[in-house]
Amino acid sequence: MSSSSVGTPTGRGTSWSSRNVVSGLLFGVGVAAFVDETVFHQLLHWHHFYDKSTPAAGLVSDGVFHAFGWFAVVAALFLYADLRRHQVWHPKRWVGALLVGYGAFQLYDGTVQHKLMRLHQIRYDVELLPYDLAWNLSAVAFLLVGTVLLVRTRAQPLRAPA
């Protein structure tokens, strides 16, 4: 890539702004998966990723889910390193995308996986409504804050280092 395109929003057809968003989204999805897996699956033992079979199948599904989350984080960090190398990392835009990725994953999990596909519930043998509301409303909050950051940073140009 030529040095004249390093600080511009696009270079060789690559949108640095879009790369900031993709990196942040992937990181947000990976972190959400990590938090869900670590807190709710491993520490609290509330559920497995797939609870419609044996506990052994649930553990295997947790492992696959955990790997998915870390693949998302690793991909995000490769993109992040490239953004930093080209000095076009936009922290506010990246964090906005991270929050959107986190919230989108959590809302998908709470609506599609919990309610539509019924792969698992947040907890079992308790009143689910408070848990569902907390889970899904916090997801919407992450989405809203992230979207506001993305909208506010949409028109901010990426500048080449001095």
C-alpha atoms as a PDB file:
ATOM      1  CA  MET A   1       0.000   0.000   0.000  1.00  0.00           C
ATOM      2  CA  SER A   2       1.432   3.372  -0.886  1.00  0.00           C
ATOM      3  CA  SER A   3       2.213   5.844   1.850  1.00  0.00           C
ATOM      4  CA  SER A   4      -0.193   8.340   0.293  1.00  0.00           C
ATOM      5  CA  SER A   5      -3.126   6.030   0.954  1.00  0.00           C
ATOM      6  CA  VAL A   6      -2.192   5.086   4.508  1.00  0.00           C
ATOM      7  CA  GLY A   7      -4.083   7.886   6.237  1.00  0.00           C
ATOM      8  CA  THR A   8      -6.993   8.110   3.874  1.00  0.00           C
ATOM      9  CA  PRO A   9     -10.327   6.469   4.589  1.00  0.00           C
ATOM     10  CA  THR A  10      -9.853   4.244   1.566  1.00  0.00           C
ATOM     11  CA  GLY A  11      -6.770   2.756   0.043  1.00  0.00           C
ATOM     12  CA  ARG A  12      -6.754   0.128  -2.708  1.00  0.00           C
ATOM     13  CA  GLY A  13     -10.507  -0.249  -2.274  1.00  0.00           C
ATOM     14  CA  THR A  14     -10.140  -0.935   1.460  1.00  0.00           C
ATOM     15  CA  SER A  15     -12.204   1.215   3.766  1.00  0.00           C
ATOM     16  CA  TRP A  16     -10.280   1.771   6.985  1.00  0.00           C
ATOM     17  CA  SER A  17     -13.469   2.939   8.643  1.00  0.00           C
ATOM     18  CA  SER A  18     -15.154  -0.346   7.700  1.00  0.00           C
ATOM     19  CA  ARG A  19     -12.168  -2.322   8.969  1.00  0.00           C
ATOM     20  CA  ASN A  20     -12.463  -0.522  12.308  1.00  0.00           C
ATOM     21  CA  VAL A  21     -16.109  -1.560  12.424  1.00  0.00           C
ATOM     22  CA  VAL A  22     -15.495  -5.180  11.398  1.00  0.00           C
ATOM     23  CA  SER A  23     -12.668  -5.553  13.926  1.00  0.00           C
ATOM     24  CA  GLY A  24     -14.786  -4.036  16.699  1.00  0.00           C
ATOM     25  CA  LEU A  25     -17.832  -6.161  15.796  1.00  0.00           C
ATOM     26  CA  LEU A  26     -15.829  -9.377  15.818  1.00  0.00           C
ATOM     27  CA  PHE A  27     -14.197  -8.445  19.103  1.00  0.00           C
ATOM     28  CA  GLY A  28     -17.592  -7.630  20.644  1.00  0.00           C
ATOM     29  CA  VAL A  29     -19.079 -10.931  19.504  1.00  0.00           C
ATOM     30  CA  GLY A  30     -16.054 -12.816  20.820  1.00  0.00           C
ATOM     31  CA  VAL A  31     -16.119 -11.064  24.188  1.00  0.00           C
ATOM     32  CA  ALA A  32     -19.872 -11.656  24.544  1.00  0.00           C
ATOM     33  CA  ALA A  33     -19.354 -15.345  23.781  1.00  0.00           C
ATOM     34  CA  PHE A  34     -16.469 -15.489  26.268  1.00  0.00           C
ATOM     35  CA  VAL A  35     -18.487 -13.829  29.051  1.00  0.00           C
ATOM     36  CA  ASP A  36     -21.503 -16.072  28.401  1.00  0.00           C
ATOM     37  CA  GLU A  37     -19.384 -19.208  28.305  1.00  0.00           C
ATOM     38  CA  THR A  38     -17.226 -18.342  31.299  1.00  0.00           C
ATOM     39  CA  VAL A  39     -19.839 -16.870  33.627  1.00  0.00           C
ATOM     40  CA  PHE A  40     -23.067 -18.701  32.804  1.00  0.00           C
ATOM     41  CA  HIS A  41     -21.741 -22.028  31.529  1.00  0.00           C
ATOM     42  CA  GLN A  42     -18.599 -22.657  33.573  1.00  0.00           C
ATOM     43  CA  LEU A  43     -18.817 -20.640  36.785  1.00  0.00           C
ATOM     44  CA  LEU A  44     -22.548 -20.616  37.513  1.00  0.00           C
ATOM     45  CA  HIS A  45     -23.413 -23.897  35.717  1.00  0.00           C
ATOM     46  CA  TRP A  46     -26.750 -22.408  34.652  1.00  0.00           C
ATOM     47  CA  HIS A  47     -26.789 -24.000  31.219  1.00  0.00           C
ATOM     48  CA  HIS A  48     -24.767 -25.381  28.310  1.00  0.00           C
ATOM     49  CA  PHE A  49     -24.816 -24.069  24.776  1.00  0.00           C
ATOM     50  CA  TYR A  50     -26.946 -27.054  23.806  1.00  0.00           C
ATOM     51  CA  ASP A  51     -29.132 -28.466  26.571  1.00  0.00           C
ATOM     52  CA  LYS A  52     -31.365 -30.826  24.573  1.00  0.00           C
ATOM     53  CA  SER A  53     -29.157 -33.871  25.048  1.00  0.00           C
ATOM     54  CA  THR A  54     -26.787 -35.386  27.581  1.00  0.00           C
ATOM     55  CA  PRO A  55     -24.457 -33.400  29.852  1.00  0.00           C
ATOM     56  CA  ALA A  56     -21.544 -34.742  27.786  1.00  0.00           C
ATOM     57  CA  ALA A  57     -23.085 -33.329  24.599  1.00  0.00           C
ATOM     58  CA  GLY A  58     -23.606 -30.055  26.457  1.00  0.00           C
ATOM     59  CA  LEU A  59     -19.908 -29.916  27.335  1.00  0.00           C
ATOM     60  CA  VAL A  60     -18.900 -30.589  23.741  1.00  0.00           C
ATOM     61  CA  SER A  61     -21.256 -27.860  22.538  1.00  0.00           C
ATOM     62  CA  ASP A  62     -19.698 -25.493  25.091  1.00  0.00           C
ATOM     63  CA  GLY A  63     -16.254 -26.288  23.693  1.00  0.00           C
ATOM     64  CA  VAL A  64     -17.350 -25.553  20.131  1.00  0.00           C
ATOM     65  CA  PHE A  65     -19.033 -22.348  21.297  1.00  0.00           C
ATOM     66  CA  HIS A  66     -15.908 -21.313  23.224  1.00  0.00           C
ATOM     67  CA  ALA A  67     -13.720 -21.955  20.166  1.00  0.00           C
ATOM     68  CA  PHE A  68     -16.073 -19.853  18.005  1.00  0.00           C
ATOM     69  CA  GLY A  69     -15.747 -16.956  20.437  1.00  0.00           C
ATOM     70  CA  TRP A  70     -11.975 -17.118  20.467  1.00  0.00           C
ATOM     71  CA  PHE A  71     -11.767 -17.383  16.673  1.00  0.00           C
ATOM     72  CA  ALA A  72     -13.777 -14.159  16.510  1.00  0.00           C
ATOM     73  CA  VAL A  73     -11.407 -12.483  18.999  1.00  0.00           C
ATOM     74  CA  VAL A  74      -8.285 -13.644  17.158  1.00  0.00           C
ATOM     75  CA  ALA A  75      -9.630 -12.442  13.795  1.00  0.00           C
ATOM     76  CA  ALA A  76     -10.552  -9.119  15.393  1.00  0.00           C
ATOM     77  CA  LEU A  77      -7.076  -8.717  16.841  1.00  0.00           C
ATOM     78  CA  PHE A  78      -5.414  -9.396  13.483  1.00  0.00           C
ATOM     79  CA  LEU A  79      -7.550  -6.652  11.954  1.00  0.00           C
ATOM     80  CA  TYR A  80      -6.827  -4.405  14.940  1.00  0.00           C
ATOM     81  CA  ALA A  81      -3.072  -4.939  14.552  1.00  0.00           C
ATOM     82  CA  ASP A  82      -3.342  -4.003  10.871  1.00  0.00           C
ATOM     83  CA  LEU A  83      -5.256  -0.841  11.771  1.00  0.00           C
ATOM     84  CA  ARG A  84      -2.598   0.083  14.327  1.00  0.00           C
ATOM     85  CA  ARG A  85       0.219  -0.728  11.893  1.00  0.00           C
ATOM     86  CA  HIS A  86      -1.280   1.663   9.343  1.00  0.00           C
ATOM     87  CA  GLN A  87      -2.071   4.156  12.106  1.00  0.00           C
ATOM     88  CA  VAL A  88      -5.746   4.305  11.149  1.00  0.00           C
ATOM     89  CA  TRP A  89      -7.297   2.853  14.295  1.00  0.00           C
ATOM     90  CA  HIS A  90     -10.311   4.954  15.321  1.00  0.00           C
ATOM     91  CA  PRO A  91     -10.861   4.157  19.029  1.00  0.00           C
ATOM     92  CA  LYS A  92     -14.375   5.587  19.379  1.00  0.00           C
ATOM     93  CA  ARG A  93     -15.594   3.951  16.183  1.00  0.00           C
ATOM     94  CA  TRP A  94     -13.987   0.651  17.177  1.00  0.00           C
ATOM     95  CA  VAL A  95     -15.546   0.733  20.662  1.00  0.00           C
ATOM     96  CA  GLY A  96     -18.922   1.599  19.125  1.00  0.00           C
ATOM     97  CA  ALA A  97     -18.646  -1.444  16.882  1.00  0.00           C
ATOM     98  CA  LEU A  98     -17.518  -3.571  19.843  1.00  0.00           C
ATOM     99  CA  LEU A  99     -20.650  -2.567  21.773  1.00  0.00           C
ATOM    100  CA  VAL A 100     -22.867  -3.262  18.753  1.00  0.00           C
ATOM    101  CA  GLY A 101     -21.235  -6.687  18.306  1.00  0.00           C
ATOM    102  CA  TYR A 102     -21.631  -7.492  21.997  1.00  0.00           C
ATOM    103  CA  GLY A 103     -25.247  -6.340  22.097  1.00  0.00           C
ATOM    104  CA  ALA A 104     -26.191  -8.011  18.814  1.00  0.00           C
ATOM    105  CA  PHE A 105     -24.750 -11.329  19.930  1.00  0.00           C
ATOM    106  CA  GLN A 106     -26.477 -11.104  23.295  1.00  0.00           C
ATOM    107  CA  LEU A 107     -29.829 -10.153  21.742  1.00  0.00           C
ATOM    108  CA  TYR A 108     -29.491 -12.968  19.181  1.00  0.00           C
ATOM    109  CA  ASP A 109     -28.689 -15.395  21.998  1.00  0.00           C
ATOM    110  CA  GLY A 110     -31.599 -14.189  24.134  1.00  0.00           C
ATOM    111  CA  THR A 111     -34.197 -14.220  21.384  1.00  0.00           C
ATOM    112  CA  VAL A 112     -33.188 -16.758  18.735  1.00  0.00           C
ATOM    113  CA  GLN A 113     -31.251 -19.338  20.766  1.00  0.00           C
ATOM    114  CA  HIS A 114     -33.280 -19.064  23.990  1.00  0.00           C
ATOM    115  CA  LYS A 115     -36.796 -18.533  22.666  1.00  0.00           C
ATOM    116  CA  LEU A 116     -37.052 -19.539  18.998  1.00  0.00           C
ATOM    117  CA  MET A 117     -34.632 -22.481  18.834  1.00  0.00           C
ATOM    118  CA  ARG A 118     -34.874 -23.345  22.547  1.00  0.00           C
ATOM    119  CA  LEU A 119     -31.253 -24.543  22.599  1.00  0.00           C
ATOM    120  CA  HIS A 120     -31.060 -23.507  26.240  1.00  0.00           C
ATOM    121  CA  GLN A 121     -32.507 -21.030  28.721  1.00  0.00           C
ATOM    122  CA  ILE A 122     -30.600 -18.620  30.911  1.00  0.00           C
ATOM    123  CA  ARG A 123     -31.554 -20.676  33.971  1.00  0.00           C
ATOM    124  CA  TYR A 124     -33.812 -23.569  34.742  1.00  0.00           C
ATOM    125  CA  ASP A 125     -36.420 -24.091  37.465  1.00  0.00           C
ATOM    126  CA  VAL A 126     -36.857 -20.354  38.087  1.00  0.00           C
ATOM    127  CA  GLU A 127     -39.162 -17.619  36.799  1.00  0.00           C
ATOM    128  CA  LEU A 128     -37.522 -16.753  33.467  1.00  0.00           C
ATOM    129  CA  LEU A 129     -39.098 -13.349  32.808  1.00  0.00           C
ATOM    130  CA  PRO A 130     -36.747 -11.298  35.040  1.00  0.00           C
ATOM    131  CA  TYR A 131     -33.714 -13.058  33.557  1.00  0.00           C
ATOM    132  CA  ASP A 132     -34.961 -12.652  29.987  1.00  0.00           C
ATOM    133  CA  LEU A 133     -35.737  -8.978  30.545  1.00  0.00           C
ATOM    134  CA  ALA A 134     -32.347  -8.266  32.123  1.00  0.00           C
ATOM    135  CA  TRP A 135     -30.519 -10.178  29.390  1.00  0.00           C
ATOM    136  CA  ASN A 136     -32.360  -8.692  26.425  1.00  0.00           C
ATOM    137  CA  LEU A 137     -32.696  -5.125  27.760  1.00  0.00           C
ATOM    138  CA  SER A 138     -28.984  -4.984  28.549  1.00  0.00           C
ATOM    139  CA  ALA A 139     -28.340  -6.228  24.994  1.00  0.00           C
ATOM    140  CA  VAL A 140     -30.504  -3.407  23.620  1.00  0.00           C
ATOM    141  CA  ALA A 141     -28.590  -0.906  25.799  1.00  0.00           C
ATOM    142  CA  PHE A 142     -25.253  -2.122  24.373  1.00  0.00           C
ATOM    143  CA  LEU A 143     -26.697  -1.878  20.860  1.00  0.00           C
ATOM    144  CA  LEU A 144     -28.008   1.647  21.403  1.00  0.00           C
ATOM    145  CA  VAL A 145     -24.815   3.051  22.920  1.00  0.00           C
ATOM    146  CA  GLY A 146     -22.709   1.377  20.228  1.00  0.00           C
ATOM    147  CA  THR A 147     -24.956   2.635  17.449  1.00  0.00           C
ATOM    148  CA  VAL A 148     -24.787   6.194  18.791  1.00  0.00           C
ATOM    149  CA  LEU A 149     -20.978   5.999  18.791  1.00  0.00           C
ATOM    150  CA  LEU A 150     -20.946   4.610  15.248  1.00  0.00           C
ATOM    151  CA  VAL A 151     -23.293   7.296  13.957  1.00  0.00           C
ATOM    152  CA  ARG A 152     -21.329  10.072  15.661  1.00  0.00           C
ATOM    153  CA  THR A 153     -18.030   8.841  14.239  1.00  0.00           C
ATOM    154  CA  ARG A 154     -19.294   7.995  10.754  1.00  0.00           C
ATOM    155  CA  ALA A 155     -18.202  11.251   9.158  1.00  0.00           C
ATOM    156  CA  GLN A 156     -14.956  11.696  11.097  1.00  0.00           C
ATOM    157  CA  PRO A 157     -12.056  11.378   8.688  1.00  0.00           C
ATOM    158  CA  LEU A 158      -9.095   9.175   9.452  1.00  0.00           C
ATOM    159  CA  ARG A 159      -5.922  11.256   9.419  1.00  0.00           C
ATOM    160  CA  ALA A 160      -2.432  10.236   8.490  1.00  0.00           C
ATOM    161  CA  PRO A 161       0.141  10.514  11.271  1.00  0.00           C
ATOM    162  CA  ALA A 162       2.074  13.783  11.348  1.00  0.00           C
END
